[in-house]
PDB file of N, CA and C in Angstrom:
ATOM      1  N   UNK A   1      21.641  22.450  27.974  1.00  0.00           N
ATOM      2  CA  UNK A   1      21.813  23.308  29.107  1.00  0.00           C
ATOM      3  C   UNK A   1      23.166  23.980  28.978  1.00  0.00           C
ATOM      4  N   UNK A   2      23.223  25.247  29.295  1.00  0.00           N
ATOM      5  CA  UNK A   2      24.443  26.024  29.208  1.00  0.00           C
ATOM      6  C   UNK A   2      24.587  26.800  30.503  1.00  0.00           C
ATOM      7  N   UNK A   3      25.763  26.795  31.084  1.00  0.00           N
ATOM      8  CA  UNK A   3      25.986  27.577  32.292  1.00  0.00           C
ATOM      9  C   UNK A   3      27.038  28.626  32.026  1.00  0.00           C
ATOM     10  N   UNK A   4      26.906  29.755  32.684  1.00  0.00           N
ATOM     11  CA  UNK A   4      27.845  30.851  32.532  1.00  0.00           C
ATOM     12  C   UNK A   4      28.323  31.274  33.904  1.00  0.00           C
ATOM     13  N   UNK A   5      29.630  31.398  34.050  1.00  0.00           N
ATOM     14  CA  UNK A   5      30.208  31.885  35.296  1.00  0.00           C
ATOM     15  C   UNK A   5      30.522  33.353  35.096  1.00  0.00           C
ATOM     16  N   UNK A   6      30.059  34.201  35.995  1.00  0.00           N
ATOM     17  CA  UNK A   6      30.302  35.627  35.912  1.00  0.00           C
ATOM     18  C   UNK A   6      31.799  35.897  35.839  1.00  0.00           C
ATOM     19  N   UNK A   7      32.242  36.859  35.015  1.00  0.00           N
ATOM     20  CA  UNK A   7      33.662  37.149  34.810  1.00  0.00           C
ATOM     21  C   UNK A   7      34.421  37.385  36.109  1.00  0.00           C
ATOM     22  N   UNK A   8      33.814  38.043  37.076  1.00  0.00           N
ATOM     23  CA  UNK A   8      34.548  38.344  38.301  1.00  0.00           C
ATOM     24  C   UNK A   8      34.841  37.094  39.123  1.00  0.00           C
ATOM     25  N   UNK A   9      34.221  35.977  38.762  1.00  0.00           N
ATOM     26  CA  UNK A   9      34.431  34.734  39.490  1.00  0.00           C
ATOM     27  C   UNK A   9      35.391  33.791  38.788  1.00  0.00           C
ATOM     28  N   UNK A  10      35.924  34.197  37.642  1.00  0.00           N
ATOM     29  CA  UNK A  10      36.874  33.353  36.930  1.00  0.00           C
ATOM     30  C   UNK A  10      38.235  33.421  37.617  1.00  0.00           C
ATOM     31  N   UNK A  11      38.998  32.324  37.567  1.00  0.00           N
ATOM     32  CA  UNK A  11      40.277  32.265  38.278  1.00  0.00           C
ATOM     33  C   UNK A  11      41.263  33.365  37.917  1.00  0.00           C
ATOM     34  N   UNK A  12      41.253  33.860  36.682  1.00  0.00           N
ATOM     35  CA  UNK A  12      42.236  34.868  36.292  1.00  0.00           C
ATOM     36  C   UNK A  12      41.802  36.294  36.610  1.00  0.00           C
ATOM     37  N   UNK A  13      40.649  36.464  37.214  1.00  0.00           N
ATOM     38  CA  UNK A  13      40.173  37.799  37.561  1.00  0.00           C
ATOM     39  C   UNK A  13      40.883  38.261  38.822  1.00  0.00           C
ATOM     40  N   UNK A  14      41.552  39.407  38.734  1.00  0.00           N
ATOM     41  CA  UNK A  14      42.296  39.940  39.872  1.00  0.00           C
ATOM     42  C   UNK A  14      41.387  40.840  40.689  1.00  0.00           C
ATOM     43  N   UNK A  15      41.031  40.386  41.867  1.00  0.00           N
ATOM     44  CA  UNK A  15      40.135  41.156  42.722  1.00  0.00           C
ATOM     45  C   UNK A  15      40.547  40.915  44.160  1.00  0.00           C
ATOM     46  N   UNK A  16      41.080  41.941  44.791  1.00  0.00           N
ATOM     47  CA  UNK A  16      41.572  41.776  46.159  1.00  0.00           C
ATOM     48  C   UNK A  16      40.456  41.474  47.147  1.00  0.00           C
ATOM     49  N   UNK A  17      39.228  41.792  46.788  1.00  0.00           N
ATOM     50  CA  UNK A  17      38.100  41.491  47.681  1.00  0.00           C
ATOM     51  C   UNK A  17      37.338  40.272  47.187  1.00  0.00           C
ATOM     52  N   UNK A  18      38.053  39.334  46.588  1.00  0.00           N
ATOM     53  CA  UNK A  18      37.446  38.147  45.978  1.00  0.00           C
ATOM     54  C   UNK A  18      36.503  37.407  46.922  1.00  0.00           C
ATOM     55  N   UNK A  19      36.881  37.302  48.203  1.00  0.00           N
ATOM     56  CA  UNK A  19      36.042  36.560  49.131  1.00  0.00           C
ATOM     57  C   UNK A  19      34.683  37.214  49.331  1.00  0.00           C
ATOM     58  N   UNK A  20      34.555  38.472  48.937  1.00  0.00           N
ATOM     59  CA  UNK A  20      33.286  39.171  49.101  1.00  0.00           C
ATOM     60  C   UNK A  20      32.420  39.110  47.847  1.00  0.00           C
ATOM     61  N   UNK A  21      32.991  38.650  46.729  1.00  0.00           N
ATOM     62  CA  UNK A  21      32.202  38.581  45.499  1.00  0.00           C
ATOM     63  C   UNK A  21      31.335  37.334  45.506  1.00  0.00           C
ATOM     64  N   UNK A  22      30.210  37.435  44.857  1.00  0.00           N
ATOM     65  CA  UNK A  22      29.308  36.290  44.820  1.00  0.00           C
ATOM     66  C   UNK A  22      29.441  35.565  43.497  1.00  0.00           C
ATOM     67  N   UNK A  23      29.532  34.250  43.534  1.00  0.00           N
ATOM     68  CA  UNK A  23      29.461  33.505  42.279  1.00  0.00           C
ATOM     69  C   UNK A  23      28.040  33.626  41.738  1.00  0.00           C
ATOM     70  N   UNK A  24      27.925  33.983  40.473  1.00  0.00           N
ATOM     71  CA  UNK A  24      26.616  34.123  39.850  1.00  0.00           C
ATOM     72  C   UNK A  24      26.577  33.205  38.640  1.00  0.00           C
ATOM     73  N   UNK A  25      25.674  32.243  38.679  1.00  0.00           N
ATOM     74  CA  UNK A  25      25.571  31.226  37.644  1.00  0.00           C
ATOM     75  C   UNK A  25      24.264  31.416  36.882  1.00  0.00           C
ATOM     76  N   UNK A  26      24.350  31.397  35.553  1.00  0.00           N
ATOM     77  CA  UNK A  26      23.166  31.439  34.701  1.00  0.00           C
ATOM     78  C   UNK A  26      23.084  30.119  33.951  1.00  0.00           C
ATOM     79  N   UNK A  27      21.941  29.466  34.046  1.00  0.00           N
ATOM     80  CA  UNK A  27      21.710  28.204  33.348  1.00  0.00           C
ATOM     81  C   UNK A  27      20.677  28.467  32.258  1.00  0.00           C
ATOM     82  N   UNK A  28      21.060  28.205  31.012  1.00  0.00           N
ATOM     83  CA  UNK A  28      20.130  28.342  29.885  1.00  0.00           C
ATOM     84  C   UNK A  28      19.716  26.946  29.447  1.00  0.00           C
ATOM     85  N   UNK A  29      18.402  26.727  29.341  1.00  0.00           N
ATOM     86  CA  UNK A  29      17.925  25.399  28.966  1.00  0.00           C
ATOM     87  C   UNK A  29      16.545  25.484  28.335  1.00  0.00           C
ATOM     88  N   UNK A  30      16.183  24.429  27.642  1.00  0.00           N
ATOM     89  CA  UNK A  30      14.849  24.337  27.062  1.00  0.00           C
ATOM     90  C   UNK A  30      13.835  24.137  28.180  1.00  0.00           C
ATOM     91  N   UNK A  31      12.655  24.692  27.987  1.00  0.00           N
ATOM     92  CA  UNK A  31      11.597  24.535  28.983  1.00  0.00           C
ATOM     93  C   UNK A  31      11.178  23.075  29.079  1.00  0.00           C
ATOM     94  N   UNK A  32      10.518  22.746  30.193  1.00  0.00           N
ATOM     95  CA  UNK A  32       9.953  21.408  30.297  1.00  0.00           C
ATOM     96  C   UNK A  32      10.296  20.664  31.568  1.00  0.00           C
ATOM     97  N   UNK A  33      11.264  21.163  32.332  1.00  0.00           N
ATOM     98  CA  UNK A  33      11.580  20.486  33.596  1.00  0.00           C
ATOM     99  C   UNK A  33      10.627  20.978  34.676  1.00  0.00           C
ATOM    100  N   UNK A  34      10.423  20.154  35.693  1.00  0.00           N
ATOM    101  CA  UNK A  34       9.536  20.535  36.793  1.00  0.00           C
ATOM    102  C   UNK A  34      10.256  21.506  37.723  1.00  0.00           C
ATOM    103  N   UNK A  35       9.461  22.205  38.524  1.00  0.00           N
ATOM    104  CA  UNK A  35      10.045  23.098  39.522  1.00  0.00           C
ATOM    105  C   UNK A  35      10.945  22.323  40.477  1.00  0.00           C
ATOM    106  N   UNK A  36      10.547  21.096  40.805  1.00  0.00           N
ATOM    107  CA  UNK A  36      11.348  20.266  41.707  1.00  0.00           C
ATOM    108  C   UNK A  36      12.700  19.922  41.077  1.00  0.00           C
ATOM    109  N   UNK A  37      12.711  19.599  39.792  1.00  0.00           N
ATOM    110  CA  UNK A  37      13.968  19.294  39.102  1.00  0.00           C
ATOM    111  C   UNK A  37      14.881  20.514  39.073  1.00  0.00           C
ATOM    112  N   UNK A  38      14.305  21.667  38.777  1.00  0.00           N
ATOM    113  CA  UNK A  38      15.110  22.892  38.706  1.00  0.00           C
ATOM    114  C   UNK A  38      15.650  23.266  40.079  1.00  0.00           C
ATOM    115  N   UNK A  39      14.829  23.139  41.115  1.00  0.00           N
ATOM    116  CA  UNK A  39      15.295  23.454  42.468  1.00  0.00           C
ATOM    117  C   UNK A  39      16.414  22.504  42.888  1.00  0.00           C
ATOM    118  N   UNK A  40      16.275  21.220  42.562  1.00  0.00           N
ATOM    119  CA  UNK A  40      17.322  20.245  42.880  1.00  0.00           C
ATOM    120  C   UNK A  40      18.623  20.570  42.174  1.00  0.00           C
ATOM    121  N   UNK A  41      18.533  20.945  40.905  1.00  0.00           N
ATOM    122  CA  UNK A  41      19.725  21.320  40.146  1.00  0.00           C
ATOM    123  C   UNK A  41      20.393  22.539  40.776  1.00  0.00           C
ATOM    124  N   UNK A  42      19.600  23.542  41.141  1.00  0.00           N
ATOM    125  CA  UNK A  42      20.169  24.748  41.741  1.00  0.00           C
ATOM    126  C   UNK A  42      20.817  24.452  43.089  1.00  0.00           C
ATOM    127  N   UNK A  43      20.202  23.563  43.875  1.00  0.00           N
ATOM    128  CA  UNK A  43      20.818  23.165  45.153  1.00  0.00           C
ATOM    129  C   UNK A  43      22.156  22.471  44.908  1.00  0.00           C
ATOM    130  N   UNK A  44      22.193  21.567  43.927  1.00  0.00           N
ATOM    131  CA  UNK A  44      23.432  20.847  43.614  1.00  0.00           C
ATOM    132  C   UNK A  44      24.526  21.799  43.136  1.00  0.00           C
ATOM    133  N   UNK A  45      24.169  22.755  42.290  1.00  0.00           N
ATOM    134  CA  UNK A  45      25.148  23.737  41.820  1.00  0.00           C
ATOM    135  C   UNK A  45      25.659  24.564  42.995  1.00  0.00           C
ATOM    136  N   UNK A  46      24.745  24.984  43.859  1.00  0.00           N
ATOM    137  CA  UNK A  46      25.143  25.758  45.036  1.00  0.00           C
ATOM    138  C   UNK A  46      26.145  24.981  45.871  1.00  0.00           C
ATOM    139  N   UNK A  47      25.851  23.715  46.146  1.00  0.00           N
ATOM    140  CA  UNK A  47      26.757  22.905  46.963  1.00  0.00           C
ATOM    141  C   UNK A  47      28.107  22.699  46.284  1.00  0.00           C
ATOM    142  N   UNK A  48      28.120  22.578  44.960  1.00  0.00           N
ATOM    143  CA  UNK A  48      29.386  22.437  44.230  1.00  0.00           C
ATOM    144  C   UNK A  48      30.240  23.690  44.385  1.00  0.00           C
ATOM    145  N   UNK A  49      29.611  24.862  44.356  1.00  0.00           N
ATOM    146  CA  UNK A  49      30.361  26.106  44.521  1.00  0.00           C
ATOM    147  C   UNK A  49      30.852  26.271  45.953  1.00  0.00           C
ATOM    148  N   UNK A  50      30.029  25.899  46.909  1.00  0.00           N
ATOM    149  CA  UNK A  50      30.452  25.942  48.310  1.00  0.00           C
ATOM    150  C   UNK A  50      31.678  25.053  48.499  1.00  0.00           C
ATOM    151  N   UNK A  51      31.616  23.842  47.965  1.00  0.00           N
ATOM    152  CA  UNK A  51      32.710  22.874  48.113  1.00  0.00           C
ATOM    153  C   UNK A  51      33.974  23.312  47.379  1.00  0.00           C
ATOM    154  N   UNK A  52      33.832  23.726  46.127  1.00  0.00           N
ATOM    155  CA  UNK A  52      35.000  23.969  45.279  1.00  0.00           C
ATOM    156  C   UNK A  52      35.536  25.391  45.314  1.00  0.00           C
ATOM    157  N   UNK A  53      34.695  26.371  45.642  1.00  0.00           N
ATOM    158  CA  UNK A  53      35.153  27.756  45.696  1.00  0.00           C
ATOM    159  C   UNK A  53      35.289  28.276  47.116  1.00  0.00           C
ATOM    160  N   UNK A  54      34.764  27.522  48.074  1.00  0.00           N
ATOM    161  CA  UNK A  54      34.872  27.930  49.467  1.00  0.00           C
ATOM    162  C   UNK A  54      34.039  29.152  49.814  1.00  0.00           C
ATOM    163  N   UNK A  55      32.915  29.332  49.122  1.00  0.00           N
ATOM    164  CA  UNK A  55      32.034  30.461  49.412  1.00  0.00           C
ATOM    165  C   UNK A  55      30.859  29.983  50.260  1.00  0.00           C
ATOM    166  N   UNK A  56      30.213  30.921  50.925  1.00  0.00           N
ATOM    167  CA  UNK A  56      29.006  30.591  51.678  1.00  0.00           C
ATOM    168  C   UNK A  56      27.849  30.371  50.707  1.00  0.00           C
ATOM    169  N   UNK A  57      26.971  29.452  51.037  1.00  0.00           N
ATOM    170  CA  UNK A  57      25.802  29.191  50.186  1.00  0.00           C
ATOM    171  C   UNK A  57      24.981  30.460  49.983  1.00  0.00           C
ATOM    172  N   UNK A  58      24.917  31.310  51.008  1.00  0.00           N
ATOM    173  CA  UNK A  58      24.148  32.552  50.903  1.00  0.00           C
ATOM    174  C   UNK A  58      24.725  33.526  49.884  1.00  0.00           C
ATOM    175  N   UNK A  59      25.971  33.320  49.460  1.00  0.00           N
ATOM    176  CA  UNK A  59      26.599  34.211  48.478  1.00  0.00           C
ATOM    177  C   UNK A  59      26.314  33.782  47.044  1.00  0.00           C
ATOM    178  N   UNK A  60      25.818  32.571  46.863  1.00  0.00           N
ATOM    179  CA  UNK A  60      25.630  32.004  45.520  1.00  0.00           C
ATOM    180  C   UNK A  60      24.289  32.449  44.935  1.00  0.00           C
ATOM    181  N   UNK A  61      24.346  32.973  43.715  1.00  0.00           N
ATOM    182  CA  UNK A  61      23.137  33.372  42.991  1.00  0.00           C
ATOM    183  C   UNK A  61      23.041  32.515  41.733  1.00  0.00           C
ATOM    184  N   UNK A  62      21.886  31.903  41.526  1.00  0.00           N
ATOM    185  CA  UNK A  62      21.665  31.068  40.343  1.00  0.00           C
ATOM    186  C   UNK A  62      20.388  31.530  39.661  1.00  0.00           C
ATOM    187  N   UNK A  63      20.466  31.674  38.346  1.00  0.00           N
ATOM    188  CA  UNK A  63      19.297  32.076  37.563  1.00  0.00           C
ATOM    189  C   UNK A  63      19.113  31.091  36.425  1.00  0.00           C
ATOM    190  N   UNK A  64      17.879  30.679  36.205  1.00  0.00           N
ATOM    191  CA  UNK A  64      17.556  29.792  35.085  1.00  0.00           C
ATOM    192  C   UNK A  64      16.840  30.606  34.018  1.00  0.00           C
ATOM    193  N   UNK A  65      17.343  30.529  32.804  1.00  0.00           N
ATOM    194  CA  UNK A  65      16.679  31.122  31.644  1.00  0.00           C
ATOM    195  C   UNK A  65      16.144  29.975  30.799  1.00  0.00           C
ATOM    196  N   UNK A  66      14.824  29.902  30.683  1.00  0.00           N
ATOM    197  CA  UNK A  66      14.202  28.832  29.909  1.00  0.00           C
ATOM    198  C   UNK A  66      13.711  29.367  28.568  1.00  0.00           C
ATOM    199  N   UNK A  67      13.919  28.573  27.541  1.00  0.00           N
ATOM    200  CA  UNK A  67      13.448  28.935  26.203  1.00  0.00           C
ATOM    201  C   UNK A  67      12.361  27.954  25.778  1.00  0.00           C
ATOM    202  N   UNK A  68      11.296  28.464  25.143  1.00  0.00           N
ATOM    203  CA  UNK A  68      10.298  27.555  24.586  1.00  0.00           C
ATOM    204  C   UNK A  68      10.966  26.619  23.577  1.00  0.00           C
ATOM    205  N   UNK A  69      10.466  25.402  23.476  1.00  0.00           N
ATOM    206  CA  UNK A  69      11.062  24.414  22.572  1.00  0.00           C
ATOM    207  C   UNK A  69      11.089  24.895  21.127  1.00  0.00           C
ATOM    208  N   UNK A  70      10.140  25.727  20.755  1.00  0.00           N
ATOM    209  CA  UNK A  70      10.113  26.242  19.382  1.00  0.00           C
ATOM    210  C   UNK A  70      11.147  27.346  19.171  1.00  0.00           C
ATOM    211  N   UNK A  71      11.748  27.853  20.249  1.00  0.00           N
ATOM    212  CA  UNK A  71      12.752  28.918  20.155  1.00  0.00           C
ATOM    213  C   UNK A  71      14.165  28.405  20.367  1.00  0.00           C
ATOM    214  N   UNK A  72      14.339  27.103  20.408  1.00  0.00           N
ATOM    215  CA  UNK A  72      15.651  26.504  20.633  1.00  0.00           C
ATOM    216  C   UNK A  72      15.904  25.507  19.511  1.00  0.00           C
ATOM    217  N   UNK A  73      17.119  25.523  18.961  1.00  0.00           N
ATOM    218  CA  UNK A  73      17.419  24.695  17.801  1.00  0.00           C
ATOM    219  C   UNK A  73      18.721  23.944  18.019  1.00  0.00           C
ATOM    220  N   UNK A  74      18.766  22.733  17.484  1.00  0.00           N
ATOM    221  CA  UNK A  74      19.979  21.921  17.502  1.00  0.00           C
ATOM    222  C   UNK A  74      20.025  21.174  16.174  1.00  0.00           C
ATOM    223  N   UNK A  75      21.165  21.211  15.527  1.00  0.00           N
ATOM    224  CA  UNK A  75      21.303  20.494  14.264  1.00  0.00           C
ATOM    225  C   UNK A  75      20.384  20.987  13.168  1.00  0.00           C
ATOM    226  N   UNK A  76      20.019  22.270  13.212  1.00  0.00           N
ATOM    227  CA  UNK A  76      19.169  22.838  12.170  1.00  0.00           C
ATOM    228  C   UNK A  76      17.688  22.572  12.337  1.00  0.00           C
ATOM    229  N   UNK A  77      17.289  21.957  13.457  1.00  0.00           N
ATOM    230  CA  UNK A  77      15.876  21.681  13.711  1.00  0.00           C
ATOM    231  C   UNK A  77      15.514  22.199  15.097  1.00  0.00           C
ATOM    232  N   UNK A  78      14.310  22.794  15.200  1.00  0.00           N
ATOM    233  CA  UNK A  78      13.864  23.232  16.520  1.00  0.00           C
ATOM    234  C   UNK A  78      13.634  22.005  17.400  1.00  0.00           C
ATOM    235  N   UNK A  79      13.595  22.219  18.679  1.00  0.00           N
ATOM    236  CA  UNK A  79      13.355  21.101  19.588  1.00  0.00           C
ATOM    237  C   UNK A  79      11.966  20.502  19.358  1.00  0.00           C
ATOM    238  N   UNK A  80      11.004  21.310  18.909  1.00  0.00           N
ATOM    239  CA  UNK A  80       9.675  20.796  18.564  1.00  0.00           C
ATOM    240  C   UNK A  80       9.791  19.851  17.372  1.00  0.00           C
ATOM    241  N   UNK A  81      10.537  20.259  16.347  1.00  0.00           N
ATOM    242  CA  UNK A  81      10.732  19.416  15.164  1.00  0.00           C
ATOM    243  C   UNK A  81      11.477  18.132  15.522  1.00  0.00           C
ATOM    244  N   UNK A  82      12.466  18.236  16.387  1.00  0.00           N
ATOM    245  CA  UNK A  82      13.237  17.056  16.801  1.00  0.00           C
ATOM    246  C   UNK A  82      12.349  16.065  17.554  1.00  0.00           C
ATOM    247  N   UNK A  83      11.474  16.591  18.422  1.00  0.00           N
ATOM    248  CA  UNK A  83      10.572  15.719  19.181  1.00  0.00           C
ATOM    249  C   UNK A  83       9.593  15.020  18.242  1.00  0.00           C
ATOM    250  N   UNK A  84       9.079  15.751  17.254  1.00  0.00           N
ATOM    251  CA  UNK A  84       8.142  15.155  16.292  1.00  0.00           C
ATOM    252  C   UNK A  84       8.828  14.069  15.475  1.00  0.00           C
ATOM    253  N   UNK A  85      10.065  14.311  15.063  1.00  0.00           N
ATOM    254  CA  UNK A  85      10.811  13.320  14.273  1.00  0.00           C
ATOM    255  C   UNK A  85      11.116  12.074  15.100  1.00  0.00           C
ATOM    256  N   UNK A  86      11.349  12.246  16.385  1.00  0.00           N
ATOM    257  CA  UNK A  86      11.661  11.109  17.259  1.00  0.00           C
ATOM    258  C   UNK A  86      10.447  10.207  17.464  1.00  0.00           C
ATOM    259  N   UNK A  87       9.235  10.763  17.340  1.00  0.00           N
ATOM    260  CA  UNK A  87       8.005   9.985  17.529  1.00  0.00           C
ATOM    261  C   UNK A  87       7.666   9.126  16.316  1.00  0.00           C
ATOM    262  N   UNK A  88       8.276   9.428  15.169  1.00  0.00           N
ATOM    263  CA  UNK A  88       7.966   8.688  13.929  1.00  0.00           C
ATOM    264  C   UNK A  88       8.631   7.341  13.909  1.00  0.00           C
TER     265      UNK A  88
END
């Protein structure tokens, strides 16, 4: 899983209207989690931003980008290949 914080939300970004900007989080991950798991993760991320950045929950935007297991690789093997090797 990989998360990206939009540049305008980084601490060194100079923006006099900072309180009006929305934190926008992108989560990249392999497919396979349930809708309930993804919704729970997004709720937790939202609450972390509310707590730590002092923004309203309504200002937080979260997007999940899922990749098929055959399109994601770690250590030179696709996630499909890794799963097959783990079953042996």
